[in-house]
Amino acid sequence: MNRGGNWGVVWALLIAASTAADASAQAAAGQAAEPADEQASAPATSFKVAVVATTPLPGVELPAAQIPAPVQTATDQDLVNTGALALSDLLNARFNAVHVNEAQNNPFQPDVNYRGYTASPLLGTPQGLSVYMDGVRLNQPFGEVVSWDLIPRIAIGSTTLMPGSNPMFGLNTLGGALSLQTKDGRSHRGTTLQATYGSNVRRAFEFEHGGQSRRERLHWYLAGTLFDEDGWRDASPSSVRQLFGKLGWGDTRNETIVTVGHADNGLTGNGLQDVRLLASDYASIYTKPDVTDNRSSLVSLSSRRRLSERWSLLANAYVRHIRTRTLNGDINEEALDQSLYQPGAAERAALEAAGYSGIPASGLDASNTPFPSLRCIGNALLNDEPSEKCNGLLNTTATSQKNGGLSAQATHRRPLSGGDNVFTAGAAFDRSGVGFVQGTELGYLNPDRSVT
């Protein structure tokens, strides 16, 4: 049976070769018969080659077909075509194996998942993706979180998603790396203004301006975003303020670029709601407030030097300061199994001494007091057991992160064994300082779902 199978393959090859030879002969005869003017008017064929940066610092670009991994790329035009409000929207709409989880119910606070690995702004979430912008690592020192609202969407020129655990992109690059390259005045010249208005009082204004000098040595780029909305849920306003600038000097061989960025955002991310409450009001919320204030400033300096036809050197330095404050109203789980309605004699006395009047001696229960507060206030005045009699909590956090770093990369290109070969060596040093303060304040739930 093996011999029969082998002969079948041989015969198939012989038939294919014969057919190909006949087809080649016919094609050659047809071409010989074609007039010379028809051959000259044959349309030219053009190819589009996607070039991908394979390292955190730009400068080592290879065609996507030469990279042994399913690399995915997108341009600023893809951002426009998809109508993406934030970078995460583009990743969700354009890239394979990417999905977005909006547990915070805010378009600027999603969990971006790629092949089971996550880049999230929520502290405590296991992070498995690294995010870089112009060679600067955007994963924050505290918890490796990624604040998507701090990334200026309008200034993104190209986006590359590389799968796999790649040590070139630093620690915690378990599932992949996202590399962003911003626009500059050479590639994006001119001025653009855009204003939008939509449902839920969503309004935005964006601008960008880029240009270069006559001798094309100096180039500049400036962009900004103003965004506000009331949100489709109750008490869900958000605001985003972003400013980005880039100034460069040099030519095709040597160039120095200074980049600055600033963001000041206030985001409301009301969490999940009980299904029974959604049935009566789909826009309702469980508790409020749930606010995150992010403020970030970034300055980076990058330099590119072409030492010879084969050697090139790139270096980058940056400093960044991020301040985050959160205020969350939550249910106090320790009070769920407690009697919260009818104040006792000592609690009534403390309340009356504090100015409260008309407190009944009996009869308060869940049927007539759906939002109890008197026992919480009374126990707080007595300093007795407020943690058990207060059904609400106000959780606050304040985080300050300062980090900076240096990185350098040397590249050598040389033909070897008939092919083009690239050797890259680099090093990076990062230093960070983190301050974190957390507090909890007892309170009670109000009819509007706020916590006092």
Protein backbone atom coordinates (compact mmCIF):
# COMPACT_ATOMS: atom_id res chain seq x y z
CA MET A 1 0.00 0.00 0.00
CA ASN A 2 2.90 2.32 0.63
CA ARG A 3 4.23 1.75 -2.86
CA GLY A 4 0.85 2.42 -4.40
CA GLY A 5 0.54 5.63 -2.40
CA ASN A 6 4.01 6.81 -3.45
CA TRP A 7 3.35 6.09 -7.11
CA GLY A 8 0.10 8.01 -6.83
CA VAL A 9 1.98 10.99 -5.55
CA VAL A 10 4.57 10.69 -8.32
CA TRP A 11 1.88 10.44 -10.96
CA ALA A 12 0.12 13.43 -9.48
CA LEU A 13 3.34 15.40 -9.59
CA LEU A 14 4.02 14.36 -13.17
CA ILE A 15 0.52 15.35 -14.22
CA ALA A 16 0.79 18.68 -12.41
CA ALA A 17 4.19 19.32 -13.98
CA SER A 18 2.87 18.45 -17.41
CA THR A 19 -0.15 20.67 -16.94
CA ALA A 20 2.02 23.51 -15.69
CA ALA A 21 4.36 23.06 -18.66
CA ASP A 22 1.44 23.14 -21.11
CA ALA A 23 0.01 26.19 -19.39
CA SER A 24 3.40 27.88 -19.50
CA ALA A 25 3.78 27.11 -23.18
CA GLN A 26 0.31 28.43 -23.95
CA ALA A 27 0.97 31.54 -21.88
CA ALA A 28 4.25 32.10 -23.65
CA ALA A 29 2.59 31.69 -27.03
CA GLY A 30 -0.16 34.08 -26.00
CA GLN A 31 2.34 36.61 -24.83
CA ALA A 32 4.27 36.33 -28.06
CA ALA A 33 1.09 36.98 -29.99
CA GLU A 34 0.18 40.06 -27.98
CA PRO A 35 1.04 43.36 -29.60
CA ALA A 36 3.87 45.31 -28.09
CA ASP A 37 1.64 48.29 -27.33
CA GLU A 38 -0.73 46.10 -25.22
CA GLN A 39 2.21 44.81 -23.16
CA ALA A 40 3.41 48.35 -22.58
CA SER A 41 -0.02 49.44 -21.35
CA ALA A 42 -0.31 46.68 -18.72
CA PRO A 43 -1.25 48.23 -15.34
CA ALA A 44 1.46 48.46 -12.69
CA THR A 45 1.02 46.41 -9.52
CA SER A 46 1.37 48.13 -6.13
CA PHE A 47 1.83 46.52 -2.75
CA LYS A 48 1.12 47.80 0.75
CA VAL A 49 3.63 46.58 3.34
CA ALA A 50 2.89 47.00 7.05
CA VAL A 51 6.06 47.85 8.97
CA VAL A 52 6.06 46.94 12.67
CA ALA A 53 8.34 48.16 15.47
CA THR A 54 9.56 45.10 17.37
CA THR A 55 11.07 46.86 20.40
CA PRO A 56 9.74 49.40 22.93
CA LEU A 57 11.92 52.13 21.44
CA PRO A 58 11.24 52.91 17.78
CA GLY A 59 13.94 52.23 15.23
CA VAL A 60 13.82 48.46 14.67
CA GLU A 61 11.04 48.11 12.13
CA LEU A 62 10.35 44.93 10.19
CA PRO A 63 7.62 43.99 7.72
CA ALA A 64 4.81 42.20 9.51
CA ALA A 65 5.30 39.17 7.24
CA GLN A 66 8.82 38.67 8.63
CA ILE A 67 7.70 38.51 12.27
CA PRO A 68 6.95 34.94 13.44
CA ALA A 69 3.84 35.98 15.40
CA PRO A 70 0.31 37.19 14.60
CA VAL A 71 1.10 40.89 15.04
CA GLN A 72 -1.85 43.25 14.60
CA THR A 73 -1.58 46.90 13.62
CA ALA A 74 -3.86 49.90 13.24
CA THR A 75 -3.40 53.51 12.17
CA ASP A 76 -4.95 56.80 13.18
CA GLN A 77 -7.32 56.43 10.23
CA ASP A 78 -8.64 53.22 11.78
CA LEU A 79 -9.45 55.22 14.91
CA VAL A 80 -11.49 57.61 12.79
CA ASN A 81 -13.22 54.87 10.79
CA THR A 82 -14.30 52.92 13.87
CA GLY A 83 -15.56 56.02 15.66
CA ALA A 84 -13.62 54.97 18.74
CA LEU A 85 -14.16 57.16 21.78
CA ALA A 86 -11.06 55.74 23.49
CA LEU A 87 -8.19 53.47 22.53
CA SER A 88 -9.95 50.48 24.09
CA ASP A 89 -12.82 50.88 21.61
CA LEU A 90 -10.38 50.53 18.72
CA LEU A 91 -8.81 47.41 20.23
CA ASN A 92 -12.23 45.85 20.74
CA ALA A 93 -13.46 46.63 17.22
CA ARG A 94 -10.30 46.13 15.17
CA PHE A 95 -8.10 43.47 16.79
CA ASN A 96 -8.70 39.73 16.97
CA ALA A 97 -8.81 37.93 20.35
CA VAL A 98 -9.47 41.21 22.17
CA HIS A 99 -12.61 41.86 24.18
CA VAL A 100 -13.54 44.62 26.59
CA ASN A 101 -15.28 44.28 29.93
CA GLU A 102 -16.90 47.50 31.17
CA ALA A 103 -17.61 46.47 34.76
CA GLN A 104 -17.17 50.10 35.81
CA ASN A 105 -19.80 51.25 33.28
CA ASN A 106 -17.51 53.98 32.00
CA PRO A 107 -16.04 54.00 28.46
CA PHE A 108 -12.73 55.29 29.82
CA GLN A 109 -12.38 52.61 32.53
CA PRO A 110 -12.59 49.25 30.73
CA ASP A 111 -10.78 45.98 31.34
CA VAL A 112 -9.04 45.09 28.06
CA ASN A 113 -8.53 41.34 27.73
CA TYR A 114 -6.28 39.70 25.15
CA ARG A 115 -6.07 35.92 25.10
CA GLY A 116 -7.01 35.79 28.76
CA TYR A 117 -4.56 38.47 29.90
CA THR A 118 -5.77 41.84 31.14
CA ALA A 119 -4.79 45.50 31.20
CA SER A 120 -7.13 47.20 33.65
CA PRO A 121 -7.39 50.49 35.60
CA LEU A 122 -8.83 48.62 38.59
CA LEU A 123 -6.31 48.12 41.37
CA GLY A 124 -6.05 44.47 42.35
CA THR A 125 -6.81 43.05 38.92
CA PRO A 126 -4.09 40.61 37.74
CA GLN A 127 -2.29 42.48 34.97
CA GLY A 128 -0.73 40.61 32.06
CA LEU A 129 -0.28 43.15 29.25
CA SER A 130 2.34 45.87 28.89
CA VAL A 131 1.48 49.20 27.27
CA TYR A 132 4.09 51.56 25.81
CA MET A 133 3.76 54.99 24.22
CA ASP A 134 6.79 56.31 22.34
CA GLY A 135 9.00 53.98 24.37
CA VAL A 136 7.56 55.04 27.76
CA ARG A 137 5.92 52.30 29.80
CA LEU A 138 2.38 53.33 30.75
CA ASN A 139 1.73 50.59 33.29
CA GLN A 140 1.75 52.39 36.60
CA PRO A 141 4.23 51.39 39.34
CA PHE A 142 1.45 50.68 41.85
CA GLY A 143 -0.28 47.48 40.77
CA GLU A 144 0.78 47.67 37.10
CA VAL A 145 -2.63 49.19 36.31
CA VAL A 146 -3.32 51.02 33.04
CA SER A 147 -5.45 54.19 33.14
CA TRP A 148 -6.84 54.32 29.62
CA ASP A 149 -8.26 57.80 30.19
CA LEU A 150 -4.72 59.21 30.45
CA ILE A 151 -3.81 58.11 26.89
CA PRO A 152 -4.50 60.90 24.34
CA ARG A 153 -6.50 59.08 21.67
CA ILE A 154 -6.36 61.94 19.19
CA ALA A 155 -2.52 61.94 19.25
CA ILE A 156 -2.10 58.22 18.45
CA GLY A 157 -0.52 57.66 15.05
CA SER A 158 -0.15 53.87 15.06
CA THR A 159 -1.03 50.96 17.33
CA THR A 160 0.71 47.59 17.39
CA LEU A 161 -0.34 44.55 19.43
CA MET A 162 2.31 41.85 19.78
CA PRO A 163 1.35 38.53 21.38
CA GLY A 164 3.34 36.35 23.75
CA SER A 165 5.64 36.80 26.69
CA ASN A 166 8.37 39.07 25.35
CA PRO A 167 11.18 40.03 27.79
CA MET A 168 12.09 42.99 25.59
CA PHE A 169 8.98 44.76 26.87
CA GLY A 170 9.86 44.42 30.53
CA LEU A 171 8.35 42.74 33.53
CA ASN A 172 4.80 41.41 33.58
CA THR A 173 4.58 41.11 29.78
CA LEU A 174 2.83 37.77 30.14
CA GLY A 175 0.27 37.81 27.37
CA GLY A 176 1.47 40.52 25.02
CA ALA A 177 2.56 44.12 24.54
CA LEU A 178 0.74 47.11 23.12
CA SER A 179 3.03 49.67 21.48
CA LEU A 180 1.73 53.14 20.59
CA GLN A 181 3.47 55.69 18.39
CA THR A 182 2.19 59.26 18.51
CA LYS A 183 1.85 61.72 15.67
CA ASP A 184 4.37 64.42 14.81
CA GLY A 185 4.46 67.54 12.69
CA ARG A 186 6.07 65.83 9.72
CA SER A 187 3.53 63.07 9.26
CA HIS A 188 0.46 65.07 10.31
CA ARG A 189 0.65 68.62 9.01
CA GLY A 190 -2.25 71.02 9.15
CA THR A 191 -5.00 71.91 11.61
CA THR A 192 -8.12 69.95 12.53
CA LEU A 193 -11.02 71.07 14.71
CA GLN A 194 -13.93 68.84 15.65
CA ALA A 195 -16.96 69.34 17.91
CA THR A 196 -19.58 66.68 18.66
CA TYR A 197 -22.81 66.52 20.61
CA GLY A 198 -24.92 63.48 21.37
CA SER A 199 -27.37 61.76 23.66
CA ASN A 200 -27.00 61.90 27.44
CA VAL A 201 -25.59 65.40 26.94
CA ARG A 202 -22.34 63.98 25.58
CA ARG A 203 -20.26 66.79 24.13
CA ALA A 204 -16.66 66.95 23.01
CA PHE A 205 -14.21 69.28 21.35
CA GLU A 206 -10.90 68.12 19.85
CA PHE A 207 -8.15 69.96 18.05
CA GLU A 208 -4.77 69.12 16.56
CA HIS A 209 -2.15 71.12 14.73
CA GLY A 210 1.09 69.98 13.18
CA GLY A 211 3.71 71.51 10.97
CA GLN A 212 7.38 71.87 10.13
CA SER A 213 9.81 74.58 9.12
CA ARG A 214 10.80 75.32 5.55
CA ARG A 215 14.07 73.46 5.90
CA GLU A 216 12.16 70.54 7.47
CA ARG A 217 14.48 70.40 10.46
CA LEU A 218 12.05 71.72 13.07
CA HIS A 219 8.62 70.13 13.47
CA TRP A 220 5.86 70.45 16.04
CA TYR A 221 2.55 68.87 16.97
CA LEU A 222 -0.12 69.92 19.48
CA ALA A 223 -3.44 68.23 20.30
CA GLY A 224 -6.12 68.48 22.96
CA THR A 225 -9.43 66.94 24.00
CA LEU A 226 -12.32 68.30 26.07
CA PHE A 227 -15.02 65.73 26.83
CA ASP A 228 -18.07 65.82 29.10
CA GLU A 229 -21.18 63.71 29.48
CA ASP A 230 -23.99 63.15 31.97
CA GLY A 231 -23.99 59.39 31.34
CA TRP A 232 -26.94 57.16 30.51
CA ARG A 233 -27.29 56.03 34.15
CA ASP A 234 -28.37 58.14 37.09
CA ALA A 235 -25.65 60.32 38.65
CA SER A 236 -22.99 59.24 36.13
CA PRO A 237 -21.21 62.36 34.84
CA SER A 238 -17.64 62.20 33.52
CA SER A 239 -15.15 64.72 32.19
CA VAL A 240 -11.86 64.24 30.33
CA ARG A 241 -9.23 66.94 29.78
CA GLN A 242 -6.17 65.97 27.74
CA LEU A 243 -3.32 68.02 26.26
CA PHE A 244 -0.42 66.61 24.25
CA GLY A 245 2.54 68.30 22.56
CA LYS A 246 5.65 67.28 20.68
CA LEU A 247 8.61 69.33 19.43
CA GLY A 248 11.37 67.82 17.30
CA TRP A 249 14.61 68.95 15.72
CA GLY A 250 16.78 67.05 13.27
CA ASP A 251 16.93 65.28 9.93
CA THR A 252 16.78 61.72 8.62
CA ARG A 253 20.03 60.78 10.40
CA ASN A 254 19.82 62.56 13.75
CA GLU A 255 16.80 63.80 15.66
CA THR A 256 15.83 64.95 19.16
CA ILE A 257 12.21 65.09 20.32
CA VAL A 258 10.62 66.54 23.45
CA THR A 259 7.15 65.28 24.36
CA VAL A 260 4.80 66.63 27.03
CA GLY A 261 1.40 65.39 28.09
CA HIS A 262 -1.12 66.33 30.75
CA ALA A 263 -4.54 64.97 31.70
CA ASP A 264 -7.04 65.99 34.37
CA ASN A 265 -10.08 63.69 34.40
CA GLY A 266 -13.07 63.03 36.62
CA LEU A 267 -14.75 59.68 35.93
CA THR A 268 -17.88 58.17 37.41
CA GLY A 269 -18.02 54.39 37.25
CA ASN A 270 -21.18 53.16 38.95
CA GLY A 271 -20.98 49.41 39.30
CA LEU A 272 -23.46 46.56 38.90
CA GLN A 273 -27.11 46.91 39.83
CA ASP A 274 -29.57 44.42 41.29
CA VAL A 275 -31.72 42.79 38.61
CA ARG A 276 -34.93 43.54 40.54
CA LEU A 277 -34.10 47.24 40.66
CA LEU A 278 -33.18 47.27 36.97
CA ALA A 279 -36.63 45.93 36.14
CA SER A 280 -38.24 49.08 37.56
CA ASP A 281 -35.60 51.55 36.36
CA TYR A 282 -32.92 50.42 33.92
CA ALA A 283 -30.84 53.58 34.50
CA SER A 284 -30.83 53.18 38.29
CA ILE A 285 -27.67 52.70 40.34
CA TYR A 286 -26.97 50.66 43.45
CA THR A 287 -25.00 53.18 45.50
CA LYS A 288 -23.28 56.49 44.91
CA PRO A 289 -20.90 58.22 44.62
CA ASP A 290 -18.34 56.17 42.68
CA VAL A 291 -15.84 58.73 41.45
CA THR A 292 -12.23 58.49 40.27
CA ASP A 293 -10.15 61.62 39.72
CA ASN A 294 -6.97 61.11 37.70
CA ARG A 295 -4.34 63.76 37.09
CA SER A 296 -1.16 62.99 35.20
CA SER A 297 1.81 64.93 33.83
CA LEU A 298 4.47 63.43 31.54
CA VAL A 299 7.68 64.81 30.03
CA SER A 300 9.97 62.70 27.86
CA LEU A 301 13.11 63.35 25.83
CA SER A 302 14.17 61.01 23.04
CA SER A 303 17.14 61.11 20.71
CA ARG A 304 18.03 59.13 17.60
CA ARG A 305 21.52 59.02 16.11
CA ARG A 306 22.62 57.19 12.98
CA LEU A 307 26.29 56.55 13.65
CA SER A 308 27.00 54.86 10.32
CA GLU A 309 25.22 52.98 7.57
CA ARG A 310 24.99 49.96 9.86
CA TRP A 311 24.93 51.35 13.41
CA SER A 312 22.19 53.43 15.01
CA LEU A 313 21.59 54.52 18.60
CA LEU A 314 18.35 55.49 20.34
CA ALA A 315 17.88 56.83 23.85
CA ASN A 316 14.91 57.94 25.88
CA ALA A 317 14.38 59.59 29.27
CA TYR A 318 11.11 60.45 30.99
CA VAL A 319 9.51 61.64 34.23
CA ARG A 320 5.86 61.21 35.19
CA HIS A 321 3.62 62.15 38.11
CA ILE A 322 0.19 60.56 38.59
CA ARG A 323 -2.29 61.50 41.31
CA THR A 324 -5.45 59.45 41.78
CA ARG A 325 -8.29 59.99 44.23
CA THR A 326 -11.36 57.80 44.61
CA LEU A 327 -14.61 58.17 46.55
CA ASN A 328 -16.93 55.16 46.66
CA GLY A 329 -20.25 54.78 48.45
CA ASP A 330 -20.91 51.13 49.34
CA ILE A 331 -23.17 48.90 51.40
CA ASN A 332 -21.82 47.89 54.81
CA GLU A 333 -22.04 44.11 54.75
CA GLU A 334 -21.53 43.87 58.52
CA ALA A 335 -24.93 45.53 59.04
CA LEU A 336 -26.95 43.27 56.75
CA ASP A 337 -27.96 40.87 59.56
CA GLN A 338 -28.51 43.57 62.20
CA SER A 339 -31.65 45.29 63.49
CA LEU A 340 -31.28 48.79 62.08
CA TYR A 341 -34.72 50.33 62.51
CA GLN A 342 -35.93 51.02 66.06
CA PRO A 343 -33.55 53.04 68.32
CA GLY A 344 -33.24 51.97 71.94
CA ALA A 345 -33.70 54.20 74.98
CA ALA A 346 -30.04 55.23 75.18
CA GLU A 347 -29.93 55.93 71.46
CA ARG A 348 -33.11 58.04 71.61
CA ALA A 349 -31.67 60.04 74.50
CA ALA A 350 -28.46 60.71 72.58
CA LEU A 351 -30.43 61.74 69.49
CA GLU A 352 -32.67 64.11 71.44
CA ALA A 353 -29.63 65.66 73.12
CA ALA A 354 -28.17 66.24 69.65
CA GLY A 355 -31.32 68.07 68.49
CA TYR A 356 -33.36 65.26 66.89
CA SER A 357 -37.05 65.23 67.81
CA GLY A 358 -40.16 63.17 67.16
CA ILE A 359 -38.43 59.81 67.55
CA PRO A 360 -41.01 57.07 68.28
CA ALA A 361 -40.36 54.65 71.13
CA SER A 362 -41.55 51.69 69.01
CA GLY A 363 -43.00 50.69 65.66
CA LEU A 364 -40.12 51.39 63.25
CA ASP A 365 -39.43 48.46 60.92
CA ALA A 366 -38.58 47.64 57.31
CA SER A 367 -42.12 48.25 56.11
CA ASN A 368 -42.24 51.92 57.16
CA THR A 369 -38.52 52.74 57.29
CA PRO A 370 -36.84 51.38 54.13
CA PHE A 371 -33.81 53.62 54.63
CA PRO A 372 -32.98 53.56 58.35
CA SER A 373 -30.54 56.09 59.80
CA LEU A 374 -31.47 56.80 63.43
CA ARG A 375 -29.69 53.81 64.98
CA CYS A 376 -26.56 54.62 62.95
CA ILE A 377 -26.53 58.23 64.17
CA GLY A 378 -27.36 57.21 67.75
CA ASN A 379 -24.58 54.65 67.96
CA ALA A 380 -22.15 57.14 66.47
CA LEU A 381 -23.11 59.69 69.16
CA LEU A 382 -22.68 57.04 71.86
CA ASN A 383 -19.51 55.69 70.22
CA ASP A 384 -21.03 52.26 70.73
CA GLU A 385 -21.47 49.99 67.69
CA PRO A 386 -21.76 52.19 64.60
CA SER A 387 -19.97 49.60 62.44
CA GLU A 388 -22.94 47.25 62.95
CA LYS A 389 -25.81 49.75 62.86
CA CYS A 390 -24.71 51.86 59.86
CA ASN A 391 -25.67 50.28 56.54
CA GLY A 392 -23.42 52.50 54.40
CA LEU A 393 -19.71 53.08 53.86
CA LEU A 394 -17.69 55.83 52.24
CA ASN A 395 -14.37 54.45 51.05
CA THR A 396 -11.67 56.88 49.97
CA THR A 397 -8.19 56.41 48.53
CA ALA A 398 -5.43 58.83 47.55
CA THR A 399 -2.47 57.67 45.48
CA SER A 400 0.58 59.63 44.38
CA GLN A 401 3.08 58.04 42.00
CA LYS A 402 6.29 59.57 40.76
CA ASN A 403 8.45 57.60 38.37
CA GLY A 404 11.16 58.21 35.83
CA GLY A 405 13.59 56.24 33.77
CA LEU A 406 16.28 55.97 31.14
CA SER A 407 16.55 53.54 28.25
CA ALA A 408 19.00 53.10 25.39
CA GLN A 409 19.13 50.82 22.38
CA ALA A 410 21.87 50.10 19.86
CA THR A 411 21.08 48.49 16.52
CA HIS A 412 23.42 46.92 13.99
CA ARG A 413 22.27 45.91 10.50
CA ARG A 414 24.39 43.64 8.39
CA PRO A 415 23.81 41.10 5.61
CA LEU A 416 24.60 37.56 6.71
CA SER A 417 24.28 34.31 4.75
CA GLY A 418 22.38 36.03 1.98
CA GLY A 419 19.82 37.66 4.29
CA ASP A 420 19.29 40.91 6.13
CA ASN A 421 20.09 40.58 9.83
CA VAL A 422 19.47 43.00 12.68
CA PHE A 423 21.24 42.85 16.02
CA THR A 424 19.74 44.89 18.87
CA ALA A 425 21.03 45.42 22.39
CA GLY A 426 19.55 47.72 24.99
CA ALA A 427 19.15 48.51 28.66
CA ALA A 428 16.62 50.36 30.79
CA PHE A 429 16.50 51.76 34.30
CA ASP A 430 13.29 52.88 36.03
CA ARG A 431 12.75 54.28 39.50
CA SER A 432 9.44 55.02 41.19
CA GLY A 433 7.98 56.22 44.48
CA VAL A 434 4.41 55.49 45.58
CA GLY A 435 2.28 56.97 48.35
CA PHE A 436 -1.07 55.35 49.15
CA VAL A 437 -3.66 56.30 51.78
CA GLN A 438 -6.98 54.54 52.31
CA GLY A 439 -9.85 55.47 54.61
CA THR A 440 -13.34 54.25 55.49
CA GLU A 441 -16.16 56.31 56.98
CA LEU A 442 -19.42 54.86 58.29
CA GLY A 443 -22.72 56.26 57.05
CA TYR A 444 -26.26 55.40 56.06
CA LEU A 445 -28.02 54.88 52.74
CA ASN A 446 -30.36 57.61 51.50
CA PRO A 447 -33.43 57.20 49.26
CA ASP A 448 -31.43 58.57 46.28
CA ARG A 449 -28.87 55.75 46.84
CA SER A 450 -26.21 58.13 48.14
CA VAL A 451 -24.32 57.47 51.38
CA THR A 452 -24.17 60.11 54.12
